[in-house]
């Protein structure tokens, strides 16, 4: 195919997509929340997470997406005792030099979503993708209802017993791919 034909086809495709009210461009800031992490390419938004990307540990507690460090419900790094710490592992102190009190550390789907939205949630199904050289387990946070977190029609996804996907989150395994 010569360059002019490619250019014509590209422009024609863009025109058709624009006519349909869609876009081939990268998502705008408001749309980006639906395309937030590797392996998740559909329109259900991520579950609310203290630091943004909805990464959890094996038990469903929030961890920082960049390095898997545990965080509390306020998004602060925490040590093994649940105390808030800085990047070097030193306890965070108040203005008088006393250690800050710990905040709760709640499971993402089972606690945070449930409490914030006043719905009973279930982690039903999952699917897997290769992301960054490791297998990523993507999970549906399911509930009985017809609306998902972003307000539109809920999908069945990997939910069971009449539940539908409310939001999505993920766990990074140690398995290489």
Foldseek 3Di string as FASTA:
>chain_A
DDPVVVVVVVVVVQVVCVVVVHHPDPDDPVQCQQVPDPPRDDRFGAFDALVRAFEDEPVQWDADPVPRFGAARNRAGADPVQAGDDPVRHFDADPVRHGDDGHHTDGGLQPVRCVVVVFHWDFADWDWDADPQFIKTKTFTWGQDQAACVGHGFAQPRPDDNITGRHMHIYTDPHGD
